Amino acid sequence: GTTLQVHPVTGTDLDPDGNAVSPRIRP
């Protein structure tokens, strides 16, 4: 989850600031 930047299934970009459904998280 800490290195996640795009959705693993859809390939959709994720917002690292937490505005998307599944953002990158802190360690």
mmCIF file of all heavy atoms, coordinates in Angstrom:
data_MODEL
# 
_entry.id   MODEL 
# 
loop_
_atom_site.group_PDB 
_atom_site.id 
_atom_site.type_symbol 
_atom_site.label_atom_id 
_atom_site.label_alt_id 
_atom_site.label_comp_id 
_atom_site.label_asym_id 
_atom_site.label_entity_id 
_atom_site.label_seq_id 
_atom_site.pdbx_PDB_ins_code 
_atom_site.Cartn_x 
_atom_site.Cartn_y 
_atom_site.Cartn_z 
_atom_site.occupancy 
_atom_site.B_iso_or_equiv 
_atom_site.pdbx_formal_charge 
_atom_site.auth_seq_id 
_atom_site.auth_comp_id 
_atom_site.auth_asym_id 
_atom_site.auth_atom_id 
_atom_site.pdbx_PDB_model_num 
ATOM 1   N N   . GLY A 1 1  ? 0.807   -1.219 0.000   1.00 0.00 ? 1  GLY A N   1 
ATOM 2   C CA  . GLY A 1 1  ? 0.000   0.000  0.000   1.00 0.00 ? 1  GLY A CA  1 
ATOM 3   C C   . GLY A 1 1  ? 0.833   1.259  0.000   1.00 0.00 ? 1  GLY A C   1 
ATOM 4   O O   . GLY A 1 1  ? 0.383   2.314  -0.469  1.00 0.00 ? 1  GLY A O   1 
ATOM 5   N N   . THR A 1 2  ? 2.074   1.179  0.509   1.00 0.00 ? 2  THR A N   1 
ATOM 6   C CA  . THR A 1 2  ? 2.903   2.382  0.601   1.00 0.00 ? 2  THR A CA  1 
ATOM 7   C C   . THR A 1 2  ? 3.489   2.801  -0.740  1.00 0.00 ? 2  THR A C   1 
ATOM 8   O O   . THR A 1 2  ? 3.864   3.955  -0.919  1.00 0.00 ? 2  THR A O   1 
ATOM 9   C CB  . THR A 1 2  ? 4.053   2.177  1.611   1.00 0.00 ? 2  THR A CB  1 
ATOM 10  O OG1 . THR A 1 2  ? 4.977   1.198  1.112   1.00 0.00 ? 2  THR A OG1 1 
ATOM 11  C CG2 . THR A 1 2  ? 3.519   1.727  2.958   1.00 0.00 ? 2  THR A CG2 1 
ATOM 12  N N   . THR A 1 3  ? 3.582   1.877  -1.676  1.00 0.00 ? 3  THR A N   1 
ATOM 13  C CA  . THR A 1 3  ? 4.115   2.219  -3.006  1.00 0.00 ? 3  THR A CA  1 
ATOM 14  C C   . THR A 1 3  ? 3.029   2.226  -4.078  1.00 0.00 ? 3  THR A C   1 
ATOM 15  O O   . THR A 1 3  ? 3.327   2.424  -5.263  1.00 0.00 ? 3  THR A O   1 
ATOM 16  C CB  . THR A 1 3  ? 5.224   1.230  -3.417  1.00 0.00 ? 3  THR A CB  1 
ATOM 17  O OG1 . THR A 1 3  ? 4.690   -0.102 -3.472  1.00 0.00 ? 3  THR A OG1 1 
ATOM 18  C CG2 . THR A 1 3  ? 6.373   1.272  -2.427  1.00 0.00 ? 3  THR A CG2 1 
ATOM 19  N N   . LEU A 1 4  ? 1.778   2.010  -3.689  1.00 0.00 ? 4  LEU A N   1 
ATOM 20  C CA  . LEU A 1 4  ? 0.663   1.911  -4.634  1.00 0.00 ? 4  LEU A CA  1 
ATOM 21  C C   . LEU A 1 4  ? 0.361   3.283  -5.243  1.00 0.00 ? 4  LEU A C   1 
ATOM 22  O O   . LEU A 1 4  ? 0.052   4.228  -4.529  1.00 0.00 ? 4  LEU A O   1 
ATOM 23  C CB  . LEU A 1 4  ? -0.566  1.369  -3.907  1.00 0.00 ? 4  LEU A CB  1 
ATOM 24  C CG  . LEU A 1 4  ? -1.734  0.856  -4.747  1.00 0.00 ? 4  LEU A CG  1 
ATOM 25  C CD1 . LEU A 1 4  ? -1.346  -0.418 -5.479  1.00 0.00 ? 4  LEU A CD1 1 
ATOM 26  C CD2 . LEU A 1 4  ? -2.933  0.598  -3.847  1.00 0.00 ? 4  LEU A CD2 1 
ATOM 27  N N   . GLN A 1 5  ? 0.444   3.380  -6.564  1.00 0.00 ? 5  GLN A N   1 
ATOM 28  C CA  . GLN A 1 5  ? 0.147   4.651  -7.233  1.00 0.00 ? 5  GLN A CA  1 
ATOM 29  C C   . GLN A 1 5  ? -0.936  4.521  -8.300  1.00 0.00 ? 5  GLN A C   1 
ATOM 30  O O   . GLN A 1 5  ? -1.582  5.509  -8.636  1.00 0.00 ? 5  GLN A O   1 
ATOM 31  C CB  . GLN A 1 5  ? 1.420   5.214  -7.863  1.00 0.00 ? 5  GLN A CB  1 
ATOM 32  C CG  . GLN A 1 5  ? 2.500   5.531  -6.832  1.00 0.00 ? 5  GLN A CG  1 
ATOM 33  C CD  . GLN A 1 5  ? 3.640   6.323  -7.420  1.00 0.00 ? 5  GLN A CD  1 
ATOM 34  O OE1 . GLN A 1 5  ? 3.503   7.525  -7.692  1.00 0.00 ? 5  GLN A OE1 1 
ATOM 35  N NE2 . GLN A 1 5  ? 4.768   5.669  -7.634  1.00 0.00 ? 5  GLN A NE2 1 
ATOM 36  N N   . VAL A 1 6  ? -1.131  3.320  -8.823  1.00 0.00 ? 6  VAL A N   1 
ATOM 37  C CA  . VAL A 1 6  ? -2.235  3.087  -9.756  1.00 0.00 ? 6  VAL A CA  1 
ATOM 38  C C   . VAL A 1 6  ? -2.987  1.841  -9.300  1.00 0.00 ? 6  VAL A C   1 
ATOM 39  O O   . VAL A 1 6  ? -2.425  0.961  -8.646  1.00 0.00 ? 6  VAL A O   1 
ATOM 40  C CB  . VAL A 1 6  ? -1.737  2.909  -11.211 1.00 0.00 ? 6  VAL A CB  1 
ATOM 41  C CG1 . VAL A 1 6  ? -0.993  4.149  -11.674 1.00 0.00 ? 6  VAL A CG1 1 
ATOM 42  C CG2 . VAL A 1 6  ? -0.867  1.683  -11.337 1.00 0.00 ? 6  VAL A CG2 1 
ATOM 43  N N   . HIS A 1 7  ? -4.252  1.785  -9.618  1.00 0.00 ? 7  HIS A N   1 
ATOM 44  C CA  . HIS A 1 7  ? -5.063  0.647  -9.209  1.00 0.00 ? 7  HIS A CA  1 
ATOM 45  C C   . HIS A 1 7  ? -4.527  -0.618 -9.874  1.00 0.00 ? 7  HIS A C   1 
ATOM 46  O O   . HIS A 1 7  ? -4.332  -0.648 -11.097 1.00 0.00 ? 7  HIS A O   1 
ATOM 47  C CB  . HIS A 1 7  ? -6.524  0.864  -9.597  1.00 0.00 ? 7  HIS A CB  1 
ATOM 48  C CG  . HIS A 1 7  ? -7.464  -0.064 -8.900  1.00 0.00 ? 7  HIS A CG  1 
ATOM 49  N ND1 . HIS A 1 7  ? -7.594  -1.384 -9.245  1.00 0.00 ? 7  HIS A ND1 1 
ATOM 50  C CD2 . HIS A 1 7  ? -8.310  0.138  -7.855  1.00 0.00 ? 7  HIS A CD2 1 
ATOM 51  C CE1 . HIS A 1 7  ? -8.487  -1.958 -8.468  1.00 0.00 ? 7  HIS A CE1 1 
ATOM 52  N NE2 . HIS A 1 7  ? -8.939  -1.052 -7.605  1.00 0.00 ? 7  HIS A NE2 1 
ATOM 53  N N   . PRO A 1 8  ? -4.267  -1.709 -9.093  1.00 0.00 ? 8  PRO A N   1 
ATOM 54  C CA  . PRO A 1 8  ? -3.623  -2.898 -9.669  1.00 0.00 ? 8  PRO A CA  1 
ATOM 55  C C   . PRO A 1 8  ? -4.459  -3.618 -10.714 1.00 0.00 ? 8  PRO A C   1 
ATOM 56  O O   . PRO A 1 8  ? -3.902  -4.352 -11.535 1.00 0.00 ? 8  PRO A O   1 
ATOM 57  C CB  . PRO A 1 8  ? -3.373  -3.789 -8.448  1.00 0.00 ? 8  PRO A CB  1 
ATOM 58  C CG  . PRO A 1 8  ? -4.339  -3.322 -7.419  1.00 0.00 ? 8  PRO A CG  1 
ATOM 59  C CD  . PRO A 1 8  ? -4.514  -1.855 -7.645  1.00 0.00 ? 8  PRO A CD  1 
ATOM 60  N N   . VAL A 1 9  ? -5.784  -3.431 -10.697 1.00 0.00 ? 9  VAL A N   1 
ATOM 61  C CA  . VAL A 1 9  ? -6.645  -4.124 -11.663 1.00 0.00 ? 9  VAL A CA  1 
ATOM 62  C C   . VAL A 1 9  ? -6.994  -3.226 -12.842 1.00 0.00 ? 9  VAL A C   1 
ATOM 63  O O   . VAL A 1 9  ? -6.861  -3.606 -14.006 1.00 0.00 ? 9  VAL A O   1 
ATOM 64  C CB  . VAL A 1 9  ? -7.925  -4.640 -10.967 1.00 0.00 ? 9  VAL A CB  1 
ATOM 65  C CG1 . VAL A 1 9  ? -8.867  -5.273 -11.995 1.00 0.00 ? 9  VAL A CG1 1 
ATOM 66  C CG2 . VAL A 1 9  ? -7.569  -5.647 -9.879  1.00 0.00 ? 9  VAL A CG2 1 
ATOM 67  N N   . THR A 1 10 ? -7.441  -1.996 -12.551 1.00 0.00 ? 10 THR A N   1 
ATOM 68  C CA  . THR A 1 10 ? -7.887  -1.105 -13.627 1.00 0.00 ? 10 THR A CA  1 
ATOM 69  C C   . THR A 1 10 ? -6.758  -0.278 -14.222 1.00 0.00 ? 10 THR A C   1 
ATOM 70  O O   . THR A 1 10 ? -6.884  0.230  -15.340 1.00 0.00 ? 10 THR A O   1 
ATOM 71  C CB  . THR A 1 10 ? -8.973  -0.153 -13.104 1.00 0.00 ? 10 THR A CB  1 
ATOM 72  O OG1 . THR A 1 10 ? -8.397  0.722  -12.108 1.00 0.00 ? 10 THR A OG1 1 
ATOM 73  C CG2 . THR A 1 10 ? -10.124 -0.931 -12.489 1.00 0.00 ? 10 THR A CG2 1 
ATOM 74  N N   . GLY A 1 11 ? -5.649  -0.101 -13.479 1.00 0.00 ? 11 GLY A N   1 
ATOM 75  C CA  . GLY A 1 11 ? -4.563  0.740  -13.943 1.00 0.00 ? 11 GLY A CA  1 
ATOM 76  C C   . GLY A 1 11 ? -4.845  2.221  -13.808 1.00 0.00 ? 11 GLY A C   1 
ATOM 77  O O   . GLY A 1 11 ? -4.075  3.056  -14.280 1.00 0.00 ? 11 GLY A O   1 
ATOM 78  N N   . THR A 1 12 ? -5.937  2.587  -13.122 1.00 0.00 ? 12 THR A N   1 
ATOM 79  C CA  . THR A 1 12 ? -6.318  3.987  -12.935 1.00 0.00 ? 12 THR A CA  1 
ATOM 80  C C   . THR A 1 12 ? -5.362  4.676  -11.971 1.00 0.00 ? 12 THR A C   1 
ATOM 81  O O   . THR A 1 12 ? -4.996  4.122  -10.933 1.00 0.00 ? 12 THR A O   1 
ATOM 82  C CB  . THR A 1 12 ? -7.751  4.083  -12.377 1.00 0.00 ? 12 THR A CB  1 
ATOM 83  O OG1 . THR A 1 12 ? -8.619  3.354  -13.234 1.00 0.00 ? 12 THR A OG1 1 
ATOM 84  C CG2 . THR A 1 12 ? -8.208  5.530  -12.289 1.00 0.00 ? 12 THR A CG2 1 
ATOM 85  N N   . ASP A 1 13 ? -4.968  5.929  -12.287 1.00 0.00 ? 13 ASP A N   1 
ATOM 86  C CA  . ASP A 1 13 ? -4.091  6.680  -11.394 1.00 0.00 ? 13 ASP A CA  1 
ATOM 87  C C   . ASP A 1 13 ? -4.794  6.949  -10.067 1.00 0.00 ? 13 ASP A C   1 
ATOM 88  O O   . ASP A 1 13 ? -5.996  7.244  -10.025 1.00 0.00 ? 13 ASP A O   1 
ATOM 89  C CB  . ASP A 1 13 ? -3.698  8.020  -12.034 1.00 0.00 ? 13 ASP A CB  1 
ATOM 90  C CG  . ASP A 1 13 ? -2.710  7.842  -13.174 1.00 0.00 ? 13 ASP A CG  1 
ATOM 91  O OD1 . ASP A 1 13 ? -2.058  6.782  -13.215 1.00 0.00 ? 13 ASP A OD1 1 
ATOM 92  O OD2 . ASP A 1 13 ? -2.606  8.755  -14.013 1.00 0.00 ? 13 ASP A OD2 1 
ATOM 93  N N   . LEU A 1 14 ? -4.006  6.880  -8.995  1.00 0.00 ? 14 LEU A N   1 
ATOM 94  C CA  . LEU A 1 14 ? -4.522  7.151  -7.662  1.00 0.00 ? 14 LEU A CA  1 
ATOM 95  C C   . LEU A 1 14 ? -3.908  8.430  -7.137  1.00 0.00 ? 14 LEU A C   1 
ATOM 96  O O   . LEU A 1 14 ? -2.757  8.756  -7.427  1.00 0.00 ? 14 LEU A O   1 
ATOM 97  C CB  . LEU A 1 14 ? -4.196  5.992  -6.716  1.00 0.00 ? 14 LEU A CB  1 
ATOM 98  C CG  . LEU A 1 14 ? -4.766  4.631  -7.124  1.00 0.00 ? 14 LEU A CG  1 
ATOM 99  C CD1 . LEU A 1 14 ? -4.243  3.537  -6.213  1.00 0.00 ? 14 LEU A CD1 1 
ATOM 100 C CD2 . LEU A 1 14 ? -6.286  4.672  -7.089  1.00 0.00 ? 14 LEU A CD2 1 
ATOM 101 N N   . ASP A 1 15 ? -4.673  9.138  -6.337  1.00 0.00 ? 15 ASP A N   1 
ATOM 102 C CA  . ASP A 1 15 ? -4.232  10.428 -5.819  1.00 0.00 ? 15 ASP A CA  1 
ATOM 103 C C   . ASP A 1 15 ? -3.409  10.230 -4.555  1.00 0.00 ? 15 ASP A C   1 
ATOM 104 O O   . ASP A 1 15 ? -3.946  9.785  -3.538  1.00 0.00 ? 15 ASP A O   1 
ATOM 105 C CB  . ASP A 1 15 ? -5.462  11.293 -5.530  1.00 0.00 ? 15 ASP A CB  1 
ATOM 106 C CG  . ASP A 1 15 ? -5.090  12.698 -5.090  1.00 0.00 ? 15 ASP A CG  1 
ATOM 107 O OD1 . ASP A 1 15 ? -3.882  12.988 -4.902  1.00 0.00 ? 15 ASP A OD1 1 
ATOM 108 O OD2 . ASP A 1 15 ? -6.010  13.499 -4.922  1.00 0.00 ? 15 ASP A OD2 1 
ATOM 109 N N   . PRO A 1 16 ? -2.121  10.554 -4.528  1.00 0.00 ? 16 PRO A N   1 
ATOM 110 C CA  . PRO A 1 16 ? -1.302  10.358 -3.326  1.00 0.00 ? 16 PRO A CA  1 
ATOM 111 C C   . PRO A 1 16 ? -1.696  11.255 -2.174  1.00 0.00 ? 16 PRO A C   1 
ATOM 112 O O   . PRO A 1 16 ? -1.259  11.058 -1.049  1.00 0.00 ? 16 PRO A O   1 
ATOM 113 C CB  . PRO A 1 16 ? 0.122   10.667 -3.814  1.00 0.00 ? 16 PRO A CB  1 
ATOM 114 C CG  . PRO A 1 16 ? -0.063  11.566 -4.989  1.00 0.00 ? 16 PRO A CG  1 
ATOM 115 C CD  . PRO A 1 16 ? -1.338  11.121 -5.636  1.00 0.00 ? 16 PRO A CD  1 
ATOM 116 N N   . ASP A 1 17 ? -2.545  12.267 -2.432  1.00 0.00 ? 17 ASP A N   1 
ATOM 117 C CA  . ASP A 1 17 ? -2.977  13.155 -1.352  1.00 0.00 ? 17 ASP A CA  1 
ATOM 118 C C   . ASP A 1 17 ? -4.215  12.650 -0.622  1.00 0.00 ? 17 ASP A C   1 
ATOM 119 O O   . ASP A 1 17 ? -4.722  13.302 0.292   1.00 0.00 ? 17 ASP A O   1 
ATOM 120 C CB  . ASP A 1 17 ? -3.261  14.558 -1.913  1.00 0.00 ? 17 ASP A CB  1 
ATOM 121 C CG  . ASP A 1 17 ? -2.001  15.193 -2.478  1.00 0.00 ? 17 ASP A CG  1 
ATOM 122 O OD1 . ASP A 1 17 ? -0.924  14.956 -1.897  1.00 0.00 ? 17 ASP A OD1 1 
ATOM 123 O OD2 . ASP A 1 17 ? -2.102  15.901 -3.495  1.00 0.00 ? 17 ASP A OD2 1 
ATOM 124 N N   . GLY A 1 18 ? -4.746  11.523 -1.038  1.00 0.00 ? 18 GLY A N   1 
ATOM 125 C CA  . GLY A 1 18 ? -5.841  10.918 -0.290  1.00 0.00 ? 18 GLY A CA  1 
ATOM 126 C C   . GLY A 1 18 ? -7.218  11.263 -0.803  1.00 0.00 ? 18 GLY A C   1 
ATOM 127 O O   . GLY A 1 18 ? -8.214  11.019 -0.127  1.00 0.00 ? 18 GLY A O   1 
ATOM 128 N N   . ASN A 1 19 ? -7.342  11.823 -1.984  1.00 0.00 ? 19 ASN A N   1 
ATOM 129 C CA  . ASN A 1 19 ? -8.656  12.186 -2.495  1.00 0.00 ? 19 ASN A CA  1 
ATOM 130 C C   . ASN A 1 19 ? -9.300  11.081 -3.322  1.00 0.00 ? 19 ASN A C   1 
ATOM 131 O O   . ASN A 1 19 ? -10.478 11.144 -3.627  1.00 0.00 ? 19 ASN A O   1 
ATOM 132 C CB  . ASN A 1 19 ? -8.541  13.456 -3.361  1.00 0.00 ? 19 ASN A CB  1 
ATOM 133 C CG  . ASN A 1 19 ? -8.049  14.640 -2.551  1.00 0.00 ? 19 ASN A CG  1 
ATOM 134 O OD1 . ASN A 1 19 ? -8.467  14.814 -1.409  1.00 0.00 ? 19 ASN A OD1 1 
ATOM 135 N ND2 . ASN A 1 19 ? -7.170  15.447 -3.136  1.00 0.00 ? 19 ASN A ND2 1 
ATOM 136 N N   . ALA A 1 20 ? -8.527  10.076 -3.693  1.00 0.00 ? 20 ALA A N   1 
ATOM 137 C CA  . ALA A 1 20 ? -9.072  8.988  -4.501  1.00 0.00 ? 20 ALA A CA  1 
ATOM 138 C C   . ALA A 1 20 ? -9.593  7.883  -3.600  1.00 0.00 ? 20 ALA A C   1 
ATOM 139 O O   . ALA A 1 20 ? -9.474  7.918  -2.386  1.00 0.00 ? 20 ALA A O   1 
ATOM 140 C CB  . ALA A 1 20 ? -7.997  8.447  -5.444  1.00 0.00 ? 20 ALA A CB  1 
ATOM 141 N N   . VAL A 1 21 ? -10.175 6.887  -4.243  1.00 0.00 ? 21 VAL A N   1 
ATOM 142 C CA  . VAL A 1 21 ? -10.755 5.780  -3.482  1.00 0.00 ? 21 VAL A CA  1 
ATOM 143 C C   . VAL A 1 21 ? -9.676  4.995  -2.743  1.00 0.00 ? 21 VAL A C   1 
ATOM 144 O O   . VAL A 1 21 ? -9.880  4.533  -1.633  1.00 0.00 ? 21 VAL A O   1 
ATOM 145 C CB  . VAL A 1 21 ? -11.544 4.852  -4.433  1.00 0.00 ? 21 VAL A CB  1 
ATOM 146 C CG1 . VAL A 1 21 ? -12.058 3.632  -3.684  1.00 0.00 ? 21 VAL A CG1 1 
ATOM 147 C CG2 . VAL A 1 21 ? -12.695 5.613  -5.070  1.00 0.00 ? 21 VAL A CG2 1 
ATOM 148 N N   . SER A 1 22 ? -8.523  4.851  -3.331  1.00 0.00 ? 22 SER A N   1 
ATOM 149 C CA  . SER A 1 22 ? -7.497  3.995  -2.747  1.00 0.00 ? 22 SER A CA  1 
ATOM 150 C C   . SER A 1 22 ? -6.121  4.644  -2.868  1.00 0.00 ? 22 SER A C   1 
ATOM 151 O O   . SER A 1 22 ? -5.333  4.309  -3.736  1.00 0.00 ? 22 SER A O   1 
ATOM 152 C CB  . SER A 1 22 ? -7.501  2.634  -3.442  1.00 0.00 ? 22 SER A CB  1 
ATOM 153 O OG  . SER A 1 22 ? -6.544  1.790  -2.862  1.00 0.00 ? 22 SER A OG  1 
ATOM 154 N N   . PRO A 1 23 ? -5.795  5.618  -2.016  1.00 0.00 ? 23 PRO A N   1 
ATOM 155 C CA  . PRO A 1 23 ? -4.531  6.338  -2.153  1.00 0.00 ? 23 PRO A CA  1 
ATOM 156 C C   . PRO A 1 23 ? -3.350  5.551  -1.604  1.00 0.00 ? 23 PRO A C   1 
ATOM 157 O O   . PRO A 1 23 ? -3.504  4.598  -0.865  1.00 0.00 ? 23 PRO A O   1 
ATOM 158 C CB  . PRO A 1 23 ? -4.771  7.588  -1.296  1.00 0.00 ? 23 PRO A CB  1 
ATOM 159 C CG  . PRO A 1 23 ? -5.706  7.112  -0.234  1.00 0.00 ? 23 PRO A CG  1 
ATOM 160 C CD  . PRO A 1 23 ? -6.607  6.123  -0.908  1.00 0.00 ? 23 PRO A CD  1 
ATOM 161 N N   . ARG A 1 24 ? -2.175  6.003  -1.984  1.00 0.00 ? 24 ARG A N   1 
ATOM 162 C CA  . ARG A 1 24 ? -0.952  5.477  -1.387  1.00 0.00 ? 24 ARG A CA  1 
ATOM 163 C C   . ARG A 1 24 ? -0.942  5.863  0.088   1.00 0.00 ? 24 ARG A C   1 
ATOM 164 O O   . ARG A 1 24 ? -1.359  6.956  0.465   1.00 0.00 ? 24 ARG A O   1 
ATOM 165 C CB  . ARG A 1 24 ? 0.248   6.073  -2.114  1.00 0.00 ? 24 ARG A CB  1 
ATOM 166 C CG  . ARG A 1 24 ? 1.564   5.448  -1.718  1.00 0.00 ? 24 ARG A CG  1 
ATOM 167 C CD  . ARG A 1 24 ? 2.685   5.944  -2.596  1.00 0.00 ? 24 ARG A CD  1 
ATOM 168 N NE  . ARG A 1 24 ? 2.965   7.357  -2.381  1.00 0.00 ? 24 ARG A NE  1 
ATOM 169 C CZ  . ARG A 1 24 ? 4.110   7.937  -2.735  1.00 0.00 ? 24 ARG A CZ  1 
ATOM 170 N NH1 . ARG A 1 24 ? 5.047   7.230  -3.329  1.00 0.00 ? 24 ARG A NH1 1 
ATOM 171 N NH2 . ARG A 1 24 ? 4.293   9.210  -2.523  1.00 0.00 ? 24 ARG A NH2 1 
ATOM 172 N N   . ILE A 1 25 ? -0.453  4.989  0.943   1.00 0.00 ? 25 ILE A N   1 
ATOM 173 C CA  . ILE A 1 25 ? -0.512  5.242  2.381   1.00 0.00 ? 25 ILE A CA  1 
ATOM 174 C C   . ILE A 1 25 ? 0.885   5.393  2.962   1.00 0.00 ? 25 ILE A C   1 
ATOM 175 O O   . ILE A 1 25 ? 1.888   5.068  2.339   1.00 0.00 ? 25 ILE A O   1 
ATOM 176 C CB  . ILE A 1 25 ? -1.257  4.105  3.118   1.00 0.00 ? 25 ILE A CB  1 
ATOM 177 C CG1 . ILE A 1 25 ? -0.516  2.778  2.934   1.00 0.00 ? 25 ILE A CG1 1 
ATOM 178 C CG2 . ILE A 1 25 ? -2.695  4.008  2.648   1.00 0.00 ? 25 ILE A CG2 1 
ATOM 179 C CD1 . ILE A 1 25 ? -1.071  1.647  3.749   1.00 0.00 ? 25 ILE A CD1 1 
ATOM 180 N N   . ARG A 1 26 ? 0.938   5.868  4.194   1.00 0.00 ? 26 ARG A N   1 
ATOM 181 C CA  . ARG A 1 26 ? 2.198   6.025  4.902   1.00 0.00 ? 26 ARG A CA  1 
ATOM 182 C C   . ARG A 1 26 ? 2.696   4.662  5.374   1.00 0.00 ? 26 ARG A C   1 
ATOM 183 O O   . ARG A 1 26 ? 1.901   3.757  5.616   1.00 0.00 ? 26 ARG A O   1 
ATOM 184 C CB  . ARG A 1 26 ? 2.022   6.949  6.094   1.00 0.00 ? 26 ARG A CB  1 
ATOM 185 C CG  . ARG A 1 26 ? 1.527   8.345  5.742   1.00 0.00 ? 26 ARG A CG  1 
ATOM 186 C CD  . ARG A 1 26 ? 1.375   9.189  7.001   1.00 0.00 ? 26 ARG A CD  1 
ATOM 187 N NE  . ARG A 1 26 ? 0.845   10.517 6.698   1.00 0.00 ? 26 ARG A NE  1 
ATOM 188 C CZ  . ARG A 1 26 ? -0.443  10.815 6.679   1.00 0.00 ? 26 ARG A CZ  1 
ATOM 189 N NH1 . ARG A 1 26 ? -1.341  9.886  6.932   1.00 0.00 ? 26 ARG A NH1 1 
ATOM 190 N NH2 . ARG A 1 26 ? -0.845  12.034 6.397   1.00 0.00 ? 26 ARG A NH2 1 
ATOM 191 N N   . PRO A 1 27 ? 4.009   4.523  5.556   1.00 0.00 ? 27 PRO A N   1 
ATOM 192 C CA  . PRO A 1 27 ? 4.528   3.238  6.042   1.00 0.00 ? 27 PRO A CA  1 
ATOM 193 C C   . PRO A 1 27 ? 4.094   2.884  7.457   1.00 0.00 ? 27 PRO A C   1 
ATOM 194 O O   . PRO A 1 27 ? 4.193   1.725  7.849   1.00 0.00 ? 27 PRO A O   1 
ATOM 195 C CB  . PRO A 1 27 ? 6.050   3.425  5.970   1.00 0.00 ? 27 PRO A CB  1 
ATOM 196 C CG  . PRO A 1 27 ? 6.247   4.460  4.915   1.00 0.00 ? 27 PRO A CG  1 
ATOM 197 C CD  . PRO A 1 27 ? 5.095   5.400  5.077   1.00 0.00 ? 27 PRO A CD  1 
# 
